[in-house]
PDB file of N, CA and C in Angstrom:
ATOM      1  N   MET A   1     -17.611  11.793  -6.641  1.00  0.00           N
ATOM      2  CA  MET A   1     -16.573  10.136  -6.390  1.00  0.00           C
ATOM      3  C   MET A   1     -16.802  10.150  -5.192  1.00  0.00           C
ATOM      4  N   GLY A   2     -16.937   8.786  -4.299  1.00  0.00           N
ATOM      5  CA  GLY A   2     -17.168   8.636  -2.937  1.00  0.00           C
ATOM      6  C   GLY A   2     -16.340   8.174  -2.826  1.00  0.00           C
ATOM      7  N   PHE A   3     -14.856   7.434  -1.851  1.00  0.00           N
ATOM      8  CA  PHE A   3     -14.351   7.260  -1.001  1.00  0.00           C
ATOM      9  C   PHE A   3     -13.890   5.620  -1.554  1.00  0.00           C
ATOM     10  N   ARG A   4     -14.615   5.015  -1.466  1.00  0.00           N
ATOM     11  CA  ARG A   4     -14.698   3.607  -1.433  1.00  0.00           C
ATOM     12  C   ARG A   4     -14.711   3.547  -3.293  1.00  0.00           C
ATOM     13  N   PHE A   5     -15.206   4.435  -4.251  1.00  0.00           N
ATOM     14  CA  PHE A   5     -15.030   4.787  -5.745  1.00  0.00           C
ATOM     15  C   PHE A   5     -13.704   4.797  -5.685  1.00  0.00           C
ATOM     16  N   ARG A   6     -12.954   5.411  -5.373  1.00  0.00           N
ATOM     17  CA  ARG A   6     -11.664   5.543  -5.508  1.00  0.00           C
ATOM     18  C   ARG A   6     -10.476   4.762  -5.003  1.00  0.00           C
ATOM     19  N   ILE A   7     -10.934   3.954  -3.805  1.00  0.00           N
ATOM     20  CA  ILE A   7     -10.023   2.895  -3.444  1.00  0.00           C
ATOM     21  C   ILE A   7     -10.102   1.856  -4.317  1.00  0.00           C
ATOM     22  N   VAL A   8     -12.141   1.342  -5.177  1.00  0.00           N
ATOM     23  CA  VAL A   8     -11.507   0.306  -5.826  1.00  0.00           C
ATOM     24  C   VAL A   8     -11.055   0.652  -7.355  1.00  0.00           C
ATOM     25  N   VAL A   9     -11.234   1.464  -7.561  1.00  0.00           N
ATOM     26  CA  VAL A   9     -10.655   2.174  -8.987  1.00  0.00           C
ATOM     27  C   VAL A   9      -8.788   2.193  -8.790  1.00  0.00           C
ATOM     28  N   PHE A  10      -8.554   2.462  -7.176  1.00  0.00           N
ATOM     29  CA  PHE A  10      -6.914   2.284  -7.461  1.00  0.00           C
ATOM     30  C   PHE A  10      -6.732   1.270  -7.318  1.00  0.00           C
ATOM     31  N   VAL A  11      -7.434  -0.238  -6.254  1.00  0.00           N
ATOM     32  CA  VAL A  11      -6.639  -1.335  -6.446  1.00  0.00           C
ATOM     33  C   VAL A  11      -7.127  -2.302  -8.116  1.00  0.00           C
ATOM     34  N   LEU A  12      -8.188  -2.010  -8.701  1.00  0.00           N
ATOM     35  CA  LEU A  12      -7.884  -2.497  -9.859  1.00  0.00           C
ATOM     36  C   LEU A  12      -6.875  -1.627 -10.739  1.00  0.00           C
ATOM     37  N   SER A  13      -6.720  -0.558 -10.828  1.00  0.00           N
ATOM     38  CA  SER A  13      -5.239  -0.196 -11.850  1.00  0.00           C
ATOM     39  C   SER A  13      -3.930  -0.311 -10.848  1.00  0.00           C
ATOM     40  N   LEU A  14      -4.122  -0.111  -9.732  1.00  0.00           N
ATOM     41  CA  LEU A  14      -3.213  -1.349  -9.089  1.00  0.00           C
ATOM     42  C   LEU A  14      -2.464  -3.280  -9.292  1.00  0.00           C
ATOM     43  N   THR A  15      -3.899  -3.593  -9.909  1.00  0.00           N
ATOM     44  CA  THR A  15      -4.002  -5.014 -10.754  1.00  0.00           C
ATOM     45  C   THR A  15      -3.349  -5.071 -11.783  1.00  0.00           C
ATOM     46  N   ILE A  16      -4.252  -3.711 -12.367  1.00  0.00           N
ATOM     47  CA  ILE A  16      -3.860  -3.801 -14.265  1.00  0.00           C
ATOM     48  C   ILE A  16      -2.492  -3.566 -13.996  1.00  0.00           C
ATOM     49  N   ALA A  17      -1.957  -2.809 -13.653  1.00  0.00           N
ATOM     50  CA  ALA A  17      -0.105  -2.146 -13.387  1.00  0.00           C
ATOM     51  C   ALA A  17       0.794  -3.869 -13.065  1.00  0.00           C
ATOM     52  N   ALA A  18       0.603  -4.131 -12.210  1.00  0.00           N
ATOM     53  CA  ALA A  18       0.986  -5.271 -11.302  1.00  0.00           C
ATOM     54  C   ALA A  18       1.293  -5.995 -12.427  1.00  0.00           C
ATOM     55  N   ALA A  19      -0.070  -6.521 -13.212  1.00  0.00           N
ATOM     56  CA  ALA A  19      -0.121  -8.126 -14.877  1.00  0.00           C
ATOM     57  C   ALA A  19       0.589  -7.528 -15.804  1.00  0.00           C
ATOM     58  N   GLY A  20       0.633  -5.981 -15.453  1.00  0.00           N
ATOM     59  CA  GLY A  20       1.917  -5.741 -16.906  1.00  0.00           C
ATOM     60  C   GLY A  20       3.298  -5.899 -16.544  1.00  0.00           C
ATOM     61  N   MET A  21       3.347  -5.585 -15.088  1.00  0.00           N
ATOM     62  CA  MET A  21       5.359  -6.221 -14.480  1.00  0.00           C
ATOM     63  C   MET A  21       5.230  -7.276 -14.432  1.00  0.00           C
ATOM     64  N   ILE A  22       4.227  -8.232 -14.600  1.00  0.00           N
ATOM     65  CA  ILE A  22       4.623 -10.060 -14.290  1.00  0.00           C
ATOM     66  C   ILE A  22       4.763 -10.289 -16.484  1.00  0.00           C
ATOM     67  N   ALA A  23       3.988  -9.533 -16.824  1.00  0.00           N
ATOM     68  CA  ALA A  23       4.350  -9.834 -18.006  1.00  0.00           C
ATOM     69  C   ALA A  23       5.522  -9.627 -18.795  1.00  0.00           C
ATOM     70  N   ALA A  24       6.399  -7.868 -18.244  1.00  0.00           N
ATOM     71  CA  ALA A  24       7.028  -7.551 -18.741  1.00  0.00           C
ATOM     72  C   ALA A  24       7.790  -8.488 -18.103  1.00  0.00           C
ATOM     73  N   ALA A  25       8.355  -8.908 -17.051  1.00  0.00           N
ATOM     74  CA  ALA A  25       9.177  -9.724 -16.635  1.00  0.00           C
ATOM     75  C   ALA A  25       9.571 -11.280 -17.285  1.00  0.00           C
ATOM     76  N   VAL A  26       8.261 -11.921 -17.934  1.00  0.00           N
ATOM     77  CA  VAL A  26       8.164 -13.210 -17.950  1.00  0.00           C
ATOM     78  C   VAL A  26       9.107 -12.742 -19.838  1.00  0.00           C
ATOM     79  N   PHE A  27       8.569 -11.544 -20.423  1.00  0.00           N
ATOM     80  CA  PHE A  27       9.395 -11.405 -21.017  1.00  0.00           C
ATOM     81  C   PHE A  27      10.805 -11.202 -21.321  1.00  0.00           C
ATOM     82  N   LEU A  28      10.928 -10.093 -20.405  1.00  0.00           N
ATOM     83  CA  LEU A  28      13.013 -10.336 -19.822  1.00  0.00           C
ATOM     84  C   LEU A  28      13.213 -10.961 -19.743  1.00  0.00           C
ATOM     85  N   GLY A  29      12.323 -12.600 -18.895  1.00  0.00           N
ATOM     86  CA  GLY A  29      13.629 -13.849 -18.589  1.00  0.00           C
ATOM     87  C   GLY A  29      13.792 -14.268 -19.863  1.00  0.00           C
ATOM     88  N   VAL A  30      12.906 -14.521 -21.165  1.00  0.00           N
ATOM     89  CA  VAL A  30      12.994 -14.887 -22.270  1.00  0.00           C
ATOM     90  C   VAL A  30      13.501 -14.694 -22.662  1.00  0.00           C
ATOM     91  N   ALA A  31      14.065 -13.156 -23.175  1.00  0.00           N
ATOM     92  CA  ALA A  31      15.161 -12.843 -23.625  1.00  0.00           C
ATOM     93  C   ALA A  31      17.052 -12.731 -23.312  1.00  0.00           C
ATOM     94  N   LEU A  32      16.524 -12.799 -21.839  1.00  0.00           N
ATOM     95  CA  LEU A  32      17.807 -13.091 -21.476  1.00  0.00           C
ATOM     96  C   LEU A  32      18.183 -14.628 -21.985  1.00  0.00           C
ATOM     97  N   TYR A  33      17.429 -15.275 -21.163  1.00  0.00           N
ATOM     98  CA  TYR A  33      17.505 -16.921 -21.850  1.00  0.00           C
ATOM     99  C   TYR A  33      18.073 -16.919 -23.274  1.00  0.00           C
ATOM    100  N   SER A  34      17.122 -16.701 -24.234  1.00  0.00           N
ATOM    101  CA  SER A  34      17.382 -16.454 -25.525  1.00  0.00           C
ATOM    102  C   SER A  34      19.086 -16.149 -25.669  1.00  0.00           C
ATOM    103  N   TRP A  35      19.946 -15.054 -24.893  1.00  0.00           N
ATOM    104  CA  TRP A  35      20.400 -14.479 -25.159  1.00  0.00           C
ATOM    105  C   TRP A  35      21.276 -14.968 -24.377  1.00  0.00           C
ATOM    106  N   LEU A  36      21.423 -15.746 -23.652  1.00  0.00           N
ATOM    107  CA  LEU A  36      22.730 -16.791 -22.595  1.00  0.00           C
ATOM    108  C   LEU A  36      22.933 -18.196 -23.412  1.00  0.00           C
ATOM    109  N   ALA A  37      21.666 -18.044 -24.266  1.00  0.00           N
ATOM    110  CA  ALA A  37      21.909 -19.622 -24.996  1.00  0.00           C
ATOM    111  C   ALA A  37      22.686 -19.294 -26.770  1.00  0.00           C
ATOM    112  N   MET A  38      22.843 -17.768 -26.701  1.00  0.00           N
ATOM    113  CA  MET A  38      24.126 -17.409 -27.864  1.00  0.00           C
ATOM    114  C   MET A  38      25.922 -18.282 -27.251  1.00  0.00           C
ATOM    115  N   PHE A  39      25.588 -18.214 -25.640  1.00  0.00           N
ATOM    116  CA  PHE A  39      26.717 -18.300 -25.045  1.00  0.00           C
ATOM    117  C   PHE A  39      27.372 -19.506 -24.244  1.00  0.00           C
ATOM    118  N   PHE A  40      26.222 -20.357 -24.136  1.00  0.00           N
ATOM    119  CA  PHE A  40      26.123 -21.245 -23.133  1.00  0.00           C
ATOM    120  C   PHE A  40      25.019 -22.448 -23.201  1.00  0.00           C
ATOM    121  N   SER A  41      25.633 -23.042 -23.315  1.00  0.00           N
ATOM    122  CA  SER A  41      24.406 -24.712 -23.064  1.00  0.00           C
ATOM    123  C   SER A  41      22.683 -24.330 -22.640  1.00  0.00           C
ATOM    124  N   PRO A  42      21.865 -24.871 -23.625  1.00  0.00           N
ATOM    125  CA  PRO A  42      20.634 -24.349 -22.683  1.00  0.00           C
ATOM    126  C   PRO A  42      20.108 -23.913 -21.907  1.00  0.00           C
ATOM    127  N   ALA A  43      20.870 -25.742 -20.823  1.00  0.00           N
ATOM    128  CA  ALA A  43      19.941 -26.035 -19.689  1.00  0.00           C
ATOM    129  C   ALA A  43      21.578 -24.760 -18.603  1.00  0.00           C
ATOM    130  N   ILE A  44      22.493 -24.943 -18.941  1.00  0.00           N
ATOM    131  CA  ILE A  44      23.574 -23.599 -18.468  1.00  0.00           C
ATOM    132  C   ILE A  44      22.819 -22.290 -18.089  1.00  0.00           C
ATOM    133  N   ALA A  45      22.426 -21.895 -19.666  1.00  0.00           N
ATOM    134  CA  ALA A  45      21.499 -20.541 -20.345  1.00  0.00           C
ATOM    135  C   ALA A  45      19.959 -20.540 -18.677  1.00  0.00           C
ATOM    136  N   ALA A  46      19.408 -21.666 -18.713  1.00  0.00           N
ATOM    137  CA  ALA A  46      18.346 -21.462 -18.409  1.00  0.00           C
ATOM    138  C   ALA A  46      19.060 -21.475 -16.472  1.00  0.00           C
ATOM    139  N   LEU A  47      19.254 -22.085 -15.937  1.00  0.00           N
ATOM    140  CA  LEU A  47      19.896 -22.136 -14.595  1.00  0.00           C
ATOM    141  C   LEU A  47      20.563 -20.606 -14.500  1.00  0.00           C
ATOM    142  N   LEU A  48      21.512 -19.382 -15.050  1.00  0.00           N
ATOM    143  CA  LEU A  48      22.084 -18.234 -14.957  1.00  0.00           C
ATOM    144  C   LEU A  48      20.682 -17.648 -14.634  1.00  0.00           C
ATOM    145  N   CYS A  49      19.304 -17.821 -15.763  1.00  0.00           N
ATOM    146  CA  CYS A  49      17.768 -17.123 -15.676  1.00  0.00           C
ATOM    147  C   CYS A  49      17.771 -16.754 -14.271  1.00  0.00           C
ATOM    148  N   ALA A  50      17.773 -17.997 -13.659  1.00  0.00           N
ATOM    149  CA  ALA A  50      17.019 -18.447 -12.861  1.00  0.00           C
ATOM    150  C   ALA A  50      17.966 -18.347 -11.142  1.00  0.00           C
ATOM    151  N   GLY A  51      18.922 -18.202 -11.739  1.00  0.00           N
ATOM    152  CA  GLY A  51      19.889 -17.036 -10.671  1.00  0.00           C
ATOM    153  C   GLY A  51      19.161 -15.437 -10.493  1.00  0.00           C
ATOM    154  N   ALA A  52      19.503 -15.348 -12.010  1.00  0.00           N
ATOM    155  CA  ALA A  52      18.830 -13.649 -11.648  1.00  0.00           C
ATOM    156  C   ALA A  52      17.813 -13.382 -11.239  1.00  0.00           C
ATOM    157  N   ALA A  53      16.906 -14.581 -11.597  1.00  0.00           N
ATOM    158  CA  ALA A  53      15.654 -14.055 -10.952  1.00  0.00           C
ATOM    159  C   ALA A  53      15.839 -14.037  -9.202  1.00  0.00           C
ATOM    160  N   VAL A  54      16.733 -15.062  -8.821  1.00  0.00           N
ATOM    161  CA  VAL A  54      16.370 -15.574  -7.270  1.00  0.00           C
ATOM    162  C   VAL A  54      17.109 -14.029  -6.987  1.00  0.00           C
ATOM    163  N   LEU A  55      18.179 -13.636  -7.680  1.00  0.00           N
ATOM    164  CA  LEU A  55      19.221 -13.116  -6.939  1.00  0.00           C
ATOM    165  C   LEU A  55      18.539 -11.411  -6.994  1.00  0.00           C
ATOM    166  N   PHE A  56      17.130 -11.122  -8.205  1.00  0.00           N
ATOM    167  CA  PHE A  56      16.760 -10.315  -7.909  1.00  0.00           C
ATOM    168  C   PHE A  56      15.607 -10.455  -6.653  1.00  0.00           C
ATOM    169  N   ALA A  57      14.911 -10.900  -6.635  1.00  0.00           N
ATOM    170  CA  ALA A  57      13.832 -11.281  -5.307  1.00  0.00           C
ATOM    171  C   ALA A  57      14.646 -11.061  -4.378  1.00  0.00           C
ATOM    172  N   LEU A  58      15.709 -11.647  -4.148  1.00  0.00           N
ATOM    173  CA  LEU A  58      16.439 -11.648  -2.741  1.00  0.00           C
ATOM    174  C   LEU A  58      16.526 -10.335  -2.925  1.00  0.00           C
ATOM    175  N   ILE A  59      17.248  -9.209  -3.155  1.00  0.00           N
ATOM    176  CA  ILE A  59      17.481  -8.085  -3.224  1.00  0.00           C
ATOM    177  C   ILE A  59      16.095  -6.994  -3.002  1.00  0.00           C
ATOM    178  N   VAL A  60      15.055  -7.425  -3.718  1.00  0.00           N
ATOM    179  CA  VAL A  60      13.949  -6.629  -3.610  1.00  0.00           C
ATOM    180  C   VAL A  60      13.213  -6.801  -2.596  1.00  0.00           C
ATOM    181  N   LEU A  61      13.377  -8.280  -1.648  1.00  0.00           N
ATOM    182  CA  LEU A  61      12.953  -8.459  -0.332  1.00  0.00           C
ATOM    183  C   LEU A  61      13.759  -8.014   1.081  1.00  0.00           C
ATOM    184  N   LEU A  62      15.161  -7.624   0.586  1.00  0.00           N
ATOM    185  CA  LEU A  62      16.271  -6.985   1.417  1.00  0.00           C
ATOM    186  C   LEU A  62      15.812  -5.707   1.474  1.00  0.00           C
ATOM    187  N   PHE A  63      15.545  -5.131   0.200  1.00  0.00           N
ATOM    188  CA  PHE A  63      15.219  -3.532  -0.107  1.00  0.00           C
ATOM    189  C   PHE A  63      13.752  -3.441   1.205  1.00  0.00           C
ATOM    190  N   GLY A  64      12.667  -4.036   0.868  1.00  0.00           N
ATOM    191  CA  GLY A  64      11.620  -3.767   1.939  1.00  0.00           C
ATOM    192  C   GLY A  64      11.647  -4.121   2.739  1.00  0.00           C
ATOM    193  N   SER A  65      12.591  -4.627   4.196  1.00  0.00           N
ATOM    194  CA  SER A  65      13.106  -4.920   5.124  1.00  0.00           C
ATOM    195  C   SER A  65      13.524  -3.737   5.564  1.00  0.00           C
ATOM    196  N   LEU A  66      14.210  -3.518   5.035  1.00  0.00           N
ATOM    197  CA  LEU A  66      15.002  -2.289   5.275  1.00  0.00           C
ATOM    198  C   LEU A  66      14.019  -1.080   5.358  1.00  0.00           C
ATOM    199  N   LEU A  67      13.479  -0.764   4.651  1.00  0.00           N
ATOM    200  CA  LEU A  67      12.008   0.439   4.446  1.00  0.00           C
ATOM    201  C   LEU A  67      10.921  -0.467   5.091  1.00  0.00           C
ATOM    202  N   ALA A  68      10.483  -1.221   5.901  1.00  0.00           N
ATOM    203  CA  ALA A  68       9.705  -1.638   6.865  1.00  0.00           C
ATOM    204  C   ALA A  68      10.769  -1.299   7.955  1.00  0.00           C
ATOM    205  N   ARG A  69      11.481  -1.442   8.567  1.00  0.00           N
ATOM    206  CA  ARG A  69      12.338  -1.249   9.651  1.00  0.00           C
ATOM    207  C   ARG A  69      12.648   0.037  10.118  1.00  0.00           C
ATOM    208  N   ARG A  70      12.525   0.998   8.987  1.00  0.00           N
ATOM    209  CA  ARG A  70      12.138   3.142   9.191  1.00  0.00           C
ATOM    210  C   ARG A  70      11.274   2.989   9.493  1.00  0.00           C
ATOM    211  N   ARG A  71      10.374   2.338   9.009  1.00  0.00           N
ATOM    212  CA  ARG A  71       8.756   3.169   9.252  1.00  0.00           C
ATOM    213  C   ARG A  71       8.602   2.968  10.664  1.00  0.00           C
ATOM    214  N   LYS A  72       7.752   4.324  10.968  1.00  0.00           N
ATOM    215  CA  LYS A  72       7.479   4.280  12.725  1.00  0.00           C
ATOM    216  C   LYS A  72       6.218   3.372  12.684  1.00  0.00           C
ATOM    217  N   LYS A  73       5.777   3.026  14.054  1.00  0.00           N
ATOM    218  CA  LYS A  73       4.395   2.918  14.870  1.00  0.00           C
ATOM    219  C   LYS A  73       3.465   2.902  13.978  1.00  0.00           C
ATOM    220  N   ASP A  74       3.246   4.600  14.147  1.00  0.00           N
ATOM    221  CA  ASP A  74       2.538   5.648  14.323  1.00  0.00           C
ATOM    222  C   ASP A  74       1.771   5.840  12.401  1.00  0.00           C
ATOM    223  N   ASP A  75       2.742   5.309  11.439  1.00  0.00           N
ATOM    224  CA  ASP A  75       2.778   5.717  10.698  1.00  0.00           C
ATOM    225  C   ASP A  75       1.078   5.093   9.702  1.00  0.00           C
ATOM    226  N   ALA A  76       0.618   3.787  10.249  1.00  0.00           N
ATOM    227  CA  ALA A  76      -0.792   3.365   9.601  1.00  0.00           C
ATOM    228  C   ALA A  76      -1.708   3.819  10.089  1.00  0.00           C
ATOM    229  N   ALA A  77      -1.144   4.303  11.382  1.00  0.00           N
ATOM    230  CA  ALA A  77      -2.998   5.287  12.902  1.00  0.00           C
ATOM    231  C   ALA A  77      -3.206   6.567  12.218  1.00  0.00           C
ATOM    232  N   VAL A  78      -1.765   7.288  11.332  1.00  0.00           N
ATOM    233  CA  VAL A  78      -1.790   8.543  10.955  1.00  0.00           C
ATOM    234  C   VAL A  78      -3.015   8.728   9.806  1.00  0.00           C
ATOM    235  N   LEU A  79      -2.118   7.446   9.329  1.00  0.00           N
ATOM    236  CA  LEU A  79      -2.645   7.347   7.345  1.00  0.00           C
ATOM    237  C   LEU A  79      -5.167   7.161   7.507  1.00  0.00           C
ATOM    238  N   LEU A  80      -4.597   6.043   7.961  1.00  0.00           N
ATOM    239  CA  LEU A  80      -6.027   5.552   9.002  1.00  0.00           C
ATOM    240  C   LEU A  80      -6.992   7.067   9.209  1.00  0.00           C
ATOM    241  N   GLY A  81      -6.415   7.627  10.151  1.00  0.00           N
ATOM    242  CA  GLY A  81      -6.590   8.666  10.587  1.00  0.00           C
ATOM    243  C   GLY A  81      -7.565  10.229   9.481  1.00  0.00           C
ATOM    244  N   ALA A  82      -6.226   9.966   8.737  1.00  0.00           N
ATOM    245  CA  ALA A  82      -6.598  10.973   7.008  1.00  0.00           C
ATOM    246  C   ALA A  82      -7.604  10.281   6.559  1.00  0.00           C
ATOM    247  N   LEU A  83      -7.566   8.804   6.387  1.00  0.00           N
ATOM    248  CA  LEU A  83      -8.609   8.572   5.577  1.00  0.00           C
ATOM    249  C   LEU A  83     -10.354   8.687   6.327  1.00  0.00           C
ATOM    250  N   LEU A  84      -9.970   8.859   7.779  1.00  0.00           N
ATOM    251  CA  LEU A  84     -11.240   8.564   8.117  1.00  0.00           C
ATOM    252  C   LEU A  84     -11.639   9.512   8.052  1.00  0.00           C
ATOM    253  N   GLY A  85     -10.622  11.068   8.390  1.00  0.00           N
ATOM    254  CA  GLY A  85     -11.095  12.245   7.973  1.00  0.00           C
ATOM    255  C   GLY A  85     -11.872  13.296   7.255  1.00  0.00           C
ATOM    256  N   GLU A  86     -11.318  11.977   5.944  1.00  0.00           N
ATOM    257  CA  GLU A  86     -11.276  12.953   4.569  1.00  0.00           C
ATOM    258  C   GLU A  86     -13.107  12.296   4.057  1.00  0.00           C
ATOM    259  N   GLU A  87     -13.561  10.751   4.826  1.00  0.00           N
ATOM    260  CA  GLU A  87     -14.833  10.318   4.735  1.00  0.00           C
ATOM    261  C   GLU A  87     -16.123  10.988   5.843  1.00  0.00           C
ATOM    262  N   VAL A  88     -15.433  11.562   6.979  1.00  0.00           N
ATOM    263  CA  VAL A  88     -15.872  12.299   7.643  1.00  0.00           C
ATOM    264  C   VAL A  88     -16.348  13.719   6.930  1.00  0.00           C
ATOM    265  N   ARG A  89     -15.608  14.198   6.726  1.00  0.00           N
ATOM    266  CA  ARG A  89     -15.531  15.485   6.256  1.00  0.00           C
ATOM    267  C   ARG A  89     -16.554  15.478   4.967  1.00  0.00           C
ATOM    268  N   GLY A  90     -16.370  14.611   3.817  1.00  0.00           N
ATOM    269  CA  GLY A  90     -18.182  14.160   2.876  1.00  0.00           C
ATOM    270  C   GLY A  90     -18.990  13.940   3.705  1.00  0.00           C
ATOM    271  N   LEU A  91     -19.321  13.346   4.569  1.00  0.00           N
ATOM    272  CA  LEU A  91     -20.265  13.383   4.968  1.00  0.00           C
ATOM    273  C   LEU A  91     -20.942  14.363   6.002  1.00  0.00           C
ATOM    274  N   THR A  92     -20.159  14.970   6.327  1.00  0.00           N
ATOM    275  CA  THR A  92     -20.822  16.543   7.109  1.00  0.00           C
ATOM    276  C   THR A  92     -21.131  17.438   6.271  1.00  0.00           C
ATOM    277  N   GLU A  93     -20.337  17.592   4.716  1.00  0.00           N
ATOM    278  CA  GLU A  93     -20.897  17.873   4.131  1.00  0.00           C
ATOM    279  C   GLU A  93     -21.922  18.009   2.958  1.00  0.00           C
ATOM    280  N   ALA A  94     -22.879  16.964   3.829  1.00  0.00           N
ATOM    281  CA  ALA A  94     -23.976  16.248   3.113  1.00  0.00           C
ATOM    282  C   ALA A  94     -25.363  17.465   3.983  1.00  0.00           C
ATOM    283  N   SER A  95     -25.090  17.286   5.126  1.00  0.00           N
ATOM    284  CA  SER A  95     -26.565  17.886   5.859  1.00  0.00           C
ATOM    285  C   SER A  95     -26.343  18.217   7.105  1.00  0.00           C
ATOM    286  N   THR A  96     -26.875  18.778   7.544  1.00  0.00           N
ATOM    287  CA  THR A  96     -26.946  19.712   9.045  1.00  0.00           C
ATOM    288  C   THR A  96     -26.851  18.552  10.005  1.00  0.00           C
ATOM    289  N   ALA A  97     -28.185  17.329   9.751  1.00  0.00           N
ATOM    290  CA  ALA A  97     -27.846  16.416  10.823  1.00  0.00           C
ATOM    291  C   ALA A  97     -26.614  15.891  11.049  1.00  0.00           C
ATOM    292  N   LYS A  98     -26.638  15.441  10.168  1.00  0.00           N
ATOM    293  CA  LYS A  98     -25.222  14.166  10.436  1.00  0.00           C
ATOM    294  C   LYS A  98     -24.432  15.309  10.828  1.00  0.00           C
ATOM    295  N   ARG A  99     -24.112  16.178  10.587  1.00  0.00           N
ATOM    296  CA  ARG A  99     -23.068  17.054  11.033  1.00  0.00           C
ATOM    297  C   ARG A  99     -23.103  17.252  12.586  1.00  0.00           C
ATOM    298  N   LEU A 100     -24.557  17.399  13.063  1.00  0.00           N
ATOM    299  CA  LEU A 100     -24.907  17.213  14.643  1.00  0.00           C
ATOM    300  C   LEU A 100     -24.777  15.918  15.223  1.00  0.00           C
ATOM    301  N   LEU A 101     -24.856  14.651  14.653  1.00  0.00           N
ATOM    302  CA  LEU A 101     -24.933  13.516  15.034  1.00  0.00           C
ATOM    303  C   LEU A 101     -23.699  12.633  14.877  1.00  0.00           C
ATOM    304  N   ILE A 102     -22.463  13.593  13.824  1.00  0.00           N
ATOM    305  CA  ILE A 102     -20.968  12.957  13.964  1.00  0.00           C
ATOM    306  C   ILE A 102     -20.686  13.923  15.039  1.00  0.00           C
ATOM    307  N   ALA A 103     -20.829  15.113  15.556  1.00  0.00           N
ATOM    308  CA  ALA A 103     -20.345  15.743  16.401  1.00  0.00           C
ATOM    309  C   ALA A 103     -21.295  15.548  17.888  1.00  0.00           C
ATOM    310  N   LEU A 104     -21.940  15.006  17.973  1.00  0.00           N
ATOM    311  CA  LEU A 104     -22.234  13.850  19.181  1.00  0.00           C
ATOM    312  C   LEU A 104     -21.821  12.614  19.726  1.00  0.00           C
ATOM    313  N   ALA A 105     -20.985  11.799  18.427  1.00  0.00           N
ATOM    314  CA  ALA A 105     -20.818  11.067  18.745  1.00  0.00           C
ATOM    315  C   ALA A 105     -19.093  10.910  19.152  1.00  0.00           C
ATOM    316  N   ALA A 106     -18.619  12.070  18.247  1.00  0.00           N
ATOM    317  CA  ALA A 106     -17.233  12.062  18.657  1.00  0.00           C
ATOM    318  C   ALA A 106     -17.255  13.155  19.828  1.00  0.00           C
ATOM    319  N   GLY A 107     -18.175  13.701  20.077  1.00  0.00           N
ATOM    320  CA  GLY A 107     -17.982  14.333  21.956  1.00  0.00           C
ATOM    321  C   GLY A 107     -18.468  12.890  23.406  1.00  0.00           C
ATOM    322  N   PHE A 108     -18.988  12.111  22.253  1.00  0.00           N
ATOM    323  CA  PHE A 108     -19.163  11.020  23.317  1.00  0.00           C
ATOM    324  C   PHE A 108     -17.780  10.505  23.758  1.00  0.00           C
ATOM    325  N   ALA A 109     -17.463  10.047  22.568  1.00  0.00           N
ATOM    326  CA  ALA A 109     -15.914   9.165  22.723  1.00  0.00           C
ATOM    327  C   ALA A 109     -15.186   9.453  23.005  1.00  0.00           C
ATOM    328  N   VAL A 110     -15.481  10.755  23.022  1.00  0.00           N
ATOM    329  CA  VAL A 110     -13.961  11.547  23.999  1.00  0.00           C
ATOM    330  C   VAL A 110     -14.422  11.691  25.244  1.00  0.00           C
ATOM    331  N   GLY A 111     -15.564  11.779  25.913  1.00  0.00           N
ATOM    332  CA  GLY A 111     -16.153  12.082  27.484  1.00  0.00           C
ATOM    333  C   GLY A 111     -15.716  10.634  27.642  1.00  0.00           C
ATOM    334  N   LEU A 112     -15.759   9.284  26.873  1.00  0.00           N
ATOM    335  CA  LEU A 112     -15.965   8.062  27.614  1.00  0.00           C
ATOM    336  C   LEU A 112     -14.397   7.444  27.357  1.00  0.00           C
ATOM    337  N   SER A 113     -13.514   8.462  27.032  1.00  0.00           N
ATOM    338  CA  SER A 113     -12.297   7.737  26.930  1.00  0.00           C
ATOM    339  C   SER A 113     -11.528   8.251  27.376  1.00  0.00           C
ATOM    340  N   PRO A 114     -10.518   8.041  28.857  1.00  0.00           N
ATOM    341  CA  PRO A 114      -9.805   8.970  29.124  1.00  0.00           C
ATOM    342  C   PRO A 114      -8.327   8.999  27.929  1.00  0.00           C
ATOM    343  N   ARG A 115      -8.104   7.537  27.855  1.00  0.00           N
ATOM    344  CA  ARG A 115      -6.591   7.399  26.206  1.00  0.00           C
ATOM    345  C   ARG A 115      -7.125   8.016  25.652  1.00  0.00           C
ATOM    346  N   LEU A 116      -8.169   8.520  25.058  1.00  0.00           N
ATOM    347  CA  LEU A 116      -8.680   9.154  23.731  1.00  0.00           C
ATOM    348  C   LEU A 116      -8.358  10.853  24.064  1.00  0.00           C
ATOM    349  N   ARG A 117      -8.968  10.646  25.298  1.00  0.00           N
ATOM    350  CA  ARG A 117      -8.657  12.214  25.635  1.00  0.00           C
ATOM    351  C   ARG A 117      -7.069  12.706  25.670  1.00  0.00           C
ATOM    352  N   LYS A 118      -6.169  11.851  26.639  1.00  0.00           N
ATOM    353  CA  LYS A 118      -4.856  11.971  26.602  1.00  0.00           C
ATOM    354  C   LYS A 118      -4.224  12.033  25.092  1.00  0.00           C
ATOM    355  N   ILE A 119      -4.467  11.420  23.930  1.00  0.00           N
ATOM    356  CA  ILE A 119      -3.700  11.576  22.917  1.00  0.00           C
ATOM    357  C   ILE A 119      -4.650  12.686  22.315  1.00  0.00           C
ATOM    358  N   ILE A 120      -6.107  13.097  22.509  1.00  0.00           N
ATOM    359  CA  ILE A 120      -6.191  14.029  21.694  1.00  0.00           C
ATOM    360  C   ILE A 120      -5.529  15.493  22.574  1.00  0.00           C
ATOM    361  N   ALA A 121      -5.217  16.078  23.947  1.00  0.00           N
ATOM    362  CA  ALA A 121      -4.407  16.722  24.429  1.00  0.00           C
ATOM    363  C   ALA A 121      -2.675  16.510  23.910  1.00  0.00           C
ATOM    364  N   GLY A 122      -2.459  15.694  23.416  1.00  0.00           N
ATOM    365  CA  GLY A 122      -0.845  15.557  23.114  1.00  0.00           C
ATOM    366  C   GLY A 122      -0.805  16.069  22.141  1.00  0.00           C
ATOM    367  N   MET A 123      -1.747  16.148  21.117  1.00  0.00           N
ATOM    368  CA  MET A 123      -2.049  16.474  19.610  1.00  0.00           C
ATOM    369  C   MET A 123      -2.011  17.955  19.688  1.00  0.00           C
ATOM    370  N   LEU A 124      -3.081  18.593  20.662  1.00  0.00           N
ATOM    371  CA  LEU A 124      -2.404  19.599  20.847  1.00  0.00           C
ATOM    372  C   LEU A 124      -1.206  20.951  21.627  1.00  0.00           C
TER     373      LEU A 124
END
């Protein structure tokens, strides 16, 4: 299976899971409203449900912003490098001619860019 196929399967499964979570959240809101309607008037029960939803959204945003601050700038580059490396590995396993062309392109890029040479030297 190719890299693109795995990405498509991942995005599709994530979309289906998100749709399921949205449906579950709607049912949870209806259940909360029904329970609160036994104790309060329907208008007050609806306001309490809306307040609970807003509070939950604010907590999720706060948690997300805290996680985003802890993340290093280079995490995205590391992930992209790993994905690119996996794709190149798949290409090099295919044929000797592709291996030669990839090695030639990589050598050309390293020889052309002093910044890339410094990055590679820092990693070694």
